[in-house]
Amino acid sequence: MRGILLILILVVVLAIGAFATGLLNLNPVQEARAPTVAAEDGKLKVKGGQAPKVQVEAGKIAIGTGQATVAVPRLEVRPAGGAQQQTQQQQQTQQQQPGAQPAPAQDGVTTSDATER
């Protein structure tokens, strides 16, 4: 019973979301009329009414690809203590020598601006 109630709540929430975002639009075409009921000679006489007619317009969702420019953060590893001075010296040496590969620090960690794609 709880499962059915949960599914009904989910359907109602999705329907509200579809209306709120404009994904689903309902336009009434024909109004509803209630049936007429009359009691004659101890019997009920019912004359049929009319169900409403509604035109439903559904939005479209398009999925595609495109190009975008994304800023990639720079990663810099700074060892603690005295190893920091040695790392700064290595970076200065690399800046003076263009095209040189980054040298590993004492703990085997390298610093670089390069990113993998």
N, C-alpha and C. Protein backbone atom coordinates (compact mmCIF):
# COMPACT_ATOMS: atom_id res chain seq x y z
N MET A 1 0.83 -1.19 0.00
CA MET A 1 0.00 0.00 0.00
C MET A 1 0.88 1.26 0.00
N ARG A 2 1.93 1.20 0.78
CA ARG A 2 2.83 2.36 0.83
C ARG A 2 3.51 2.60 -0.50
N GLY A 3 3.85 1.52 -1.19
CA GLY A 3 4.50 1.62 -2.50
C GLY A 3 3.61 2.32 -3.51
N ILE A 4 2.33 1.95 -3.51
CA ILE A 4 1.38 2.57 -4.44
C ILE A 4 1.22 4.05 -4.12
N LEU A 5 1.14 4.38 -2.84
CA LEU A 5 1.02 5.78 -2.42
C LEU A 5 2.26 6.57 -2.83
N LEU A 6 3.42 5.98 -2.68
CA LEU A 6 4.66 6.65 -3.07
C LEU A 6 4.71 6.89 -4.58
N ILE A 7 4.27 5.93 -5.36
CA ILE A 7 4.24 6.08 -6.82
C ILE A 7 3.26 7.19 -7.22
N LEU A 8 2.09 7.23 -6.59
CA LEU A 8 1.12 8.29 -6.89
C LEU A 8 1.67 9.67 -6.54
N ILE A 9 2.34 9.79 -5.43
CA ILE A 9 2.95 11.07 -5.04
C ILE A 9 4.00 11.47 -6.05
N LEU A 10 4.80 10.52 -6.50
CA LEU A 10 5.84 10.81 -7.49
C LEU A 10 5.23 11.27 -8.81
N VAL A 11 4.15 10.64 -9.25
CA VAL A 11 3.47 11.04 -10.49
C VAL A 11 2.93 12.46 -10.36
N VAL A 12 2.33 12.79 -9.22
CA VAL A 12 1.79 14.13 -9.01
C VAL A 12 2.91 15.17 -9.02
N VAL A 13 4.02 14.88 -8.38
CA VAL A 13 5.15 15.81 -8.35
C VAL A 13 5.72 16.01 -9.75
N LEU A 14 5.84 14.95 -10.53
CA LEU A 14 6.33 15.07 -11.90
C LEU A 14 5.36 15.87 -12.77
N ALA A 15 4.06 15.68 -12.59
CA ALA A 15 3.07 16.44 -13.36
C ALA A 15 3.14 17.92 -13.01
N ILE A 16 3.28 18.24 -11.74
CA ILE A 16 3.42 19.64 -11.32
C ILE A 16 4.68 20.25 -11.93
N GLY A 17 5.77 19.50 -11.93
CA GLY A 17 7.01 19.98 -12.53
C GLY A 17 6.86 20.21 -14.03
N ALA A 18 6.14 19.33 -14.72
CA ALA A 18 5.94 19.47 -16.16
C ALA A 18 5.12 20.73 -16.47
N PHE A 19 4.10 21.01 -15.67
CA PHE A 19 3.30 22.21 -15.88
C PHE A 19 4.10 23.47 -15.53
N ALA A 20 4.87 23.42 -14.46
CA ALA A 20 5.62 24.60 -14.00
C ALA A 20 6.69 25.00 -15.00
N THR A 21 7.32 24.05 -15.65
CA THR A 21 8.40 24.35 -16.59
C THR A 21 7.88 24.62 -18.00
N GLY A 22 6.59 24.43 -18.25
CA GLY A 22 6.03 24.65 -19.57
C GLY A 22 6.23 23.47 -20.49
N LEU A 23 6.66 22.34 -19.96
CA LEU A 23 6.86 21.15 -20.77
C LEU A 23 5.51 20.55 -21.19
N LEU A 24 4.48 20.78 -20.40
CA LEU A 24 3.16 20.24 -20.68
C LEU A 24 2.15 21.38 -20.58
N ASN A 25 1.28 21.52 -21.59
CA ASN A 25 0.29 22.59 -21.62
C ASN A 25 -1.05 21.99 -22.02
N LEU A 26 -2.10 22.26 -21.23
CA LEU A 26 -3.44 21.76 -21.51
C LEU A 26 -4.35 22.93 -21.88
N ASN A 27 -5.00 22.84 -23.04
CA ASN A 27 -5.94 23.87 -23.48
C ASN A 27 -7.33 23.26 -23.60
N PRO A 28 -8.34 23.76 -22.82
CA PRO A 28 -9.68 23.20 -22.93
C PRO A 28 -10.32 23.58 -24.26
N VAL A 29 -10.87 22.59 -24.97
CA VAL A 29 -11.51 22.81 -26.26
C VAL A 29 -13.03 22.82 -26.07
N GLN A 30 -13.53 21.93 -25.24
CA GLN A 30 -14.97 21.81 -25.02
C GLN A 30 -15.20 21.65 -23.52
N GLU A 31 -16.16 22.43 -22.98
CA GLU A 31 -16.44 22.38 -21.55
C GLU A 31 -17.22 21.13 -21.17
N ALA A 32 -17.13 20.76 -19.94
CA ALA A 32 -17.88 19.61 -19.44
C ALA A 32 -19.28 20.06 -19.01
N ARG A 33 -20.25 19.18 -19.17
CA ARG A 33 -21.61 19.43 -18.69
C ARG A 33 -22.03 18.26 -17.83
N ALA A 34 -22.57 18.57 -16.68
CA ALA A 34 -23.03 17.52 -15.77
C ALA A 34 -24.34 16.92 -16.29
N PRO A 35 -24.57 15.66 -16.01
CA PRO A 35 -25.84 15.05 -16.45
C PRO A 35 -27.02 15.63 -15.66
N THR A 36 -28.19 15.65 -16.26
CA THR A 36 -29.39 16.11 -15.56
C THR A 36 -30.11 14.89 -14.99
N VAL A 37 -30.53 15.02 -13.77
CA VAL A 37 -31.20 13.93 -13.07
C VAL A 37 -32.58 14.43 -12.64
N ALA A 38 -33.62 13.67 -12.98
CA ALA A 38 -34.99 14.04 -12.60
C ALA A 38 -35.70 12.81 -12.03
N ALA A 39 -36.54 13.05 -11.05
CA ALA A 39 -37.31 11.95 -10.43
C ALA A 39 -38.75 12.06 -10.91
N GLU A 40 -39.22 11.06 -11.62
CA GLU A 40 -40.60 11.02 -12.11
C GLU A 40 -41.21 9.65 -11.82
N ASP A 41 -42.37 9.63 -11.24
CA ASP A 41 -43.11 8.41 -10.94
C ASP A 41 -42.25 7.42 -10.16
N GLY A 42 -41.47 7.90 -9.22
CA GLY A 42 -40.65 7.02 -8.39
C GLY A 42 -39.43 6.47 -9.10
N LYS A 43 -39.16 6.94 -10.26
CA LYS A 43 -37.99 6.49 -11.01
C LYS A 43 -37.09 7.68 -11.29
N LEU A 44 -35.83 7.39 -11.42
CA LEU A 44 -34.87 8.44 -11.77
C LEU A 44 -34.64 8.43 -13.27
N LYS A 45 -34.68 9.60 -13.84
CA LYS A 45 -34.37 9.74 -15.26
C LYS A 45 -33.10 10.56 -15.37
N VAL A 46 -32.13 10.02 -16.05
CA VAL A 46 -30.83 10.69 -16.20
C VAL A 46 -30.59 10.94 -17.67
N LYS A 47 -30.32 12.18 -17.98
CA LYS A 47 -29.96 12.53 -19.35
C LYS A 47 -28.46 12.84 -19.32
N GLY A 48 -27.74 12.23 -20.23
CA GLY A 48 -26.28 12.30 -20.25
C GLY A 48 -25.72 13.70 -20.34
N GLY A 49 -24.59 13.87 -19.76
CA GLY A 49 -23.85 15.12 -19.82
C GLY A 49 -22.80 15.04 -20.92
N GLN A 50 -21.75 15.78 -20.71
CA GLN A 50 -20.69 15.83 -21.73
C GLN A 50 -19.33 15.87 -21.04
N ALA A 51 -18.44 15.01 -21.48
CA ALA A 51 -17.08 15.00 -20.93
C ALA A 51 -16.28 16.15 -21.55
N PRO A 52 -15.34 16.68 -20.82
CA PRO A 52 -14.54 17.77 -21.38
C PRO A 52 -13.57 17.25 -22.44
N LYS A 53 -13.25 18.11 -23.39
CA LYS A 53 -12.24 17.79 -24.39
C LYS A 53 -11.09 18.76 -24.18
N VAL A 54 -9.90 18.22 -24.20
CA VAL A 54 -8.71 19.01 -23.90
C VAL A 54 -7.66 18.75 -24.96
N GLN A 55 -7.05 19.83 -25.43
CA GLN A 55 -5.93 19.71 -26.38
C GLN A 55 -4.64 19.74 -25.56
N VAL A 56 -3.81 18.73 -25.74
CA VAL A 56 -2.56 18.62 -24.99
C VAL A 56 -1.39 18.97 -25.89
N GLU A 57 -0.56 19.89 -25.42
CA GLU A 57 0.66 20.26 -26.14
C GLU A 57 1.85 19.89 -25.25
N ALA A 58 2.71 19.05 -25.79
CA ALA A 58 3.89 18.62 -25.04
C ALA A 58 5.13 19.29 -25.62
N GLY A 59 6.02 19.71 -24.75
CA GLY A 59 7.26 20.33 -25.19
C GLY A 59 8.23 19.28 -25.70
N LYS A 60 9.33 19.73 -26.24
CA LYS A 60 10.35 18.83 -26.75
C LYS A 60 11.64 19.04 -25.96
N ILE A 61 12.32 17.97 -25.76
CA ILE A 61 13.62 18.02 -25.10
C ILE A 61 14.67 17.62 -26.13
N ALA A 62 15.60 18.51 -26.38
CA ALA A 62 16.65 18.24 -27.35
C ALA A 62 17.97 18.02 -26.61
N ILE A 63 18.65 16.97 -26.96
CA ILE A 63 19.94 16.66 -26.36
C ILE A 63 20.97 16.65 -27.46
N GLY A 64 22.06 17.38 -27.26
CA GLY A 64 23.09 17.43 -28.28
C GLY A 64 24.44 17.74 -27.65
N THR A 65 25.39 17.97 -28.51
CA THR A 65 26.73 18.30 -28.04
C THR A 65 27.11 19.67 -28.57
N GLY A 66 28.05 20.29 -27.93
CA GLY A 66 28.55 21.58 -28.36
C GLY A 66 29.92 21.81 -27.78
N GLN A 67 30.53 22.89 -28.22
CA GLN A 67 31.86 23.21 -27.72
C GLN A 67 31.74 24.27 -26.62
N ALA A 68 32.57 24.15 -25.62
CA ALA A 68 32.57 25.10 -24.52
C ALA A 68 34.01 25.29 -24.04
N THR A 69 34.28 26.46 -23.50
CA THR A 69 35.58 26.75 -22.92
C THR A 69 35.44 26.65 -21.41
N VAL A 70 36.27 25.82 -20.83
CA VAL A 70 36.22 25.58 -19.39
C VAL A 70 37.56 25.93 -18.79
N ALA A 71 37.53 26.72 -17.73
CA ALA A 71 38.77 27.06 -17.03
C ALA A 71 39.18 25.86 -16.17
N VAL A 72 40.41 25.41 -16.34
CA VAL A 72 40.92 24.26 -15.59
C VAL A 72 41.82 24.79 -14.48
N PRO A 73 41.58 24.38 -13.25
CA PRO A 73 42.40 24.89 -12.15
C PRO A 73 43.83 24.35 -12.24
N ARG A 74 44.76 25.13 -11.71
CA ARG A 74 46.16 24.75 -11.69
C ARG A 74 46.45 24.03 -10.39
N LEU A 75 47.14 22.93 -10.47
CA LEU A 75 47.48 22.14 -9.31
C LEU A 75 48.93 22.39 -8.95
N GLU A 76 49.16 22.75 -7.70
CA GLU A 76 50.52 23.01 -7.24
C GLU A 76 50.72 22.27 -5.92
N VAL A 77 51.74 21.45 -5.86
CA VAL A 77 52.03 20.67 -4.67
C VAL A 77 53.23 21.29 -3.97
N ARG A 78 53.05 21.63 -2.72
CA ARG A 78 54.14 22.23 -1.94
C ARG A 78 54.45 21.33 -0.75
N PRO A 79 55.63 20.74 -0.74
CA PRO A 79 56.02 19.91 0.39
C PRO A 79 56.21 20.76 1.66
N ALA A 80 56.03 20.14 2.78
CA ALA A 80 56.18 20.84 4.06
C ALA A 80 57.65 21.00 4.43
N GLY A 81 57.97 22.02 5.21
CA GLY A 81 59.30 22.19 5.79
C GLY A 81 60.37 22.65 4.81
N GLY A 82 61.61 22.13 4.98
CA GLY A 82 62.77 22.54 4.20
C GLY A 82 62.72 22.12 2.75
N ALA A 83 61.93 21.16 2.42
CA ALA A 83 61.85 20.70 1.04
C ALA A 83 61.21 21.76 0.14
N GLN A 84 60.50 22.72 0.73
CA GLN A 84 59.83 23.77 -0.03
C GLN A 84 60.86 24.65 -0.75
N GLN A 85 61.95 24.98 -0.09
CA GLN A 85 62.98 25.82 -0.71
C GLN A 85 63.60 25.09 -1.91
N GLN A 86 63.86 23.80 -1.75
CA GLN A 86 64.44 23.02 -2.83
C GLN A 86 63.47 22.96 -4.03
N THR A 87 62.17 22.81 -3.75
CA THR A 87 61.18 22.76 -4.82
C THR A 87 61.13 24.09 -5.55
N GLN A 88 61.20 25.21 -4.85
CA GLN A 88 61.18 26.53 -5.48
C GLN A 88 62.41 26.69 -6.38
N GLN A 89 63.55 26.20 -5.95
CA GLN A 89 64.76 26.29 -6.77
C GLN A 89 64.59 25.46 -8.05
N GLN A 90 63.98 24.28 -7.94
CA GLN A 90 63.75 23.45 -9.11
C GLN A 90 62.80 24.14 -10.09
N GLN A 91 61.77 24.81 -9.58
CA GLN A 91 60.82 25.51 -10.44
C GLN A 91 61.50 26.67 -11.16
N GLN A 92 62.36 27.39 -10.45
CA GLN A 92 63.07 28.50 -11.08
C GLN A 92 63.99 27.98 -12.18
N THR A 93 64.63 26.86 -11.95
CA THR A 93 65.50 26.27 -12.95
C THR A 93 64.68 25.85 -14.19
N GLN A 94 63.51 25.29 -13.98
CA GLN A 94 62.66 24.87 -15.09
C GLN A 94 62.16 26.06 -15.88
N GLN A 95 61.85 27.16 -15.22
CA GLN A 95 61.38 28.34 -15.91
C GLN A 95 62.49 28.94 -16.79
N GLN A 96 63.71 28.80 -16.37
CA GLN A 96 64.83 29.32 -17.14
C GLN A 96 65.11 28.43 -18.35
N GLN A 97 64.77 27.14 -18.27
CA GLN A 97 65.01 26.20 -19.36
C GLN A 97 63.66 25.83 -19.99
N PRO A 98 63.24 26.53 -21.05
CA PRO A 98 61.94 26.20 -21.65
C PRO A 98 61.96 24.80 -22.27
N GLY A 99 60.82 24.13 -22.15
CA GLY A 99 60.68 22.78 -22.71
C GLY A 99 61.25 21.69 -21.83
N ALA A 100 61.77 22.02 -20.67
CA ALA A 100 62.33 21.00 -19.78
C ALA A 100 61.20 20.29 -19.05
N GLN A 101 61.39 19.00 -18.77
CA GLN A 101 60.41 18.22 -18.05
C GLN A 101 60.52 18.54 -16.56
N PRO A 102 59.39 18.54 -15.82
CA PRO A 102 59.45 18.81 -14.39
C PRO A 102 60.22 17.70 -13.66
N ALA A 103 61.08 18.12 -12.76
CA ALA A 103 61.88 17.18 -12.00
C ALA A 103 61.11 16.72 -10.78
N PRO A 104 61.23 15.44 -10.40
CA PRO A 104 60.53 14.96 -9.22
C PRO A 104 61.12 15.56 -7.95
N ALA A 105 60.24 15.84 -6.98
CA ALA A 105 60.69 16.34 -5.69
C ALA A 105 61.21 15.16 -4.87
N GLN A 106 61.61 15.43 -3.64
CA GLN A 106 62.18 14.39 -2.80
C GLN A 106 61.19 13.25 -2.55
N ASP A 107 59.92 13.58 -2.41
CA ASP A 107 58.94 12.54 -2.12
C ASP A 107 58.34 11.92 -3.38
N GLY A 108 58.85 12.26 -4.56
CA GLY A 108 58.40 11.66 -5.81
C GLY A 108 57.23 12.39 -6.45
N VAL A 109 56.80 13.53 -5.89
CA VAL A 109 55.69 14.30 -6.43
C VAL A 109 56.21 15.36 -7.35
N THR A 110 55.61 15.52 -8.51
CA THR A 110 56.03 16.56 -9.45
C THR A 110 54.98 17.64 -9.51
N THR A 111 55.39 18.84 -9.88
CA THR A 111 54.46 19.92 -10.08
C THR A 111 54.47 20.29 -11.53
N SER A 112 53.27 20.55 -12.05
CA SER A 112 53.17 20.86 -13.47
C SER A 112 51.88 21.60 -13.74
N ASP A 113 51.86 22.38 -14.81
CA ASP A 113 50.64 23.08 -15.24
C ASP A 113 49.86 22.24 -16.23
N ALA A 114 50.44 21.19 -16.71
CA ALA A 114 49.81 20.37 -17.76
C ALA A 114 48.60 19.65 -17.20
N THR A 115 47.57 19.51 -18.05
CA THR A 115 46.38 18.77 -17.67
C THR A 115 46.16 17.65 -18.66
N GLU A 116 45.55 16.58 -18.21
CA GLU A 116 45.26 15.45 -19.08
C GLU A 116 43.92 15.68 -19.74
N ARG A 117 43.82 15.35 -21.00
CA ARG A 117 42.54 15.51 -21.72
C ARG A 117 42.20 14.21 -22.38
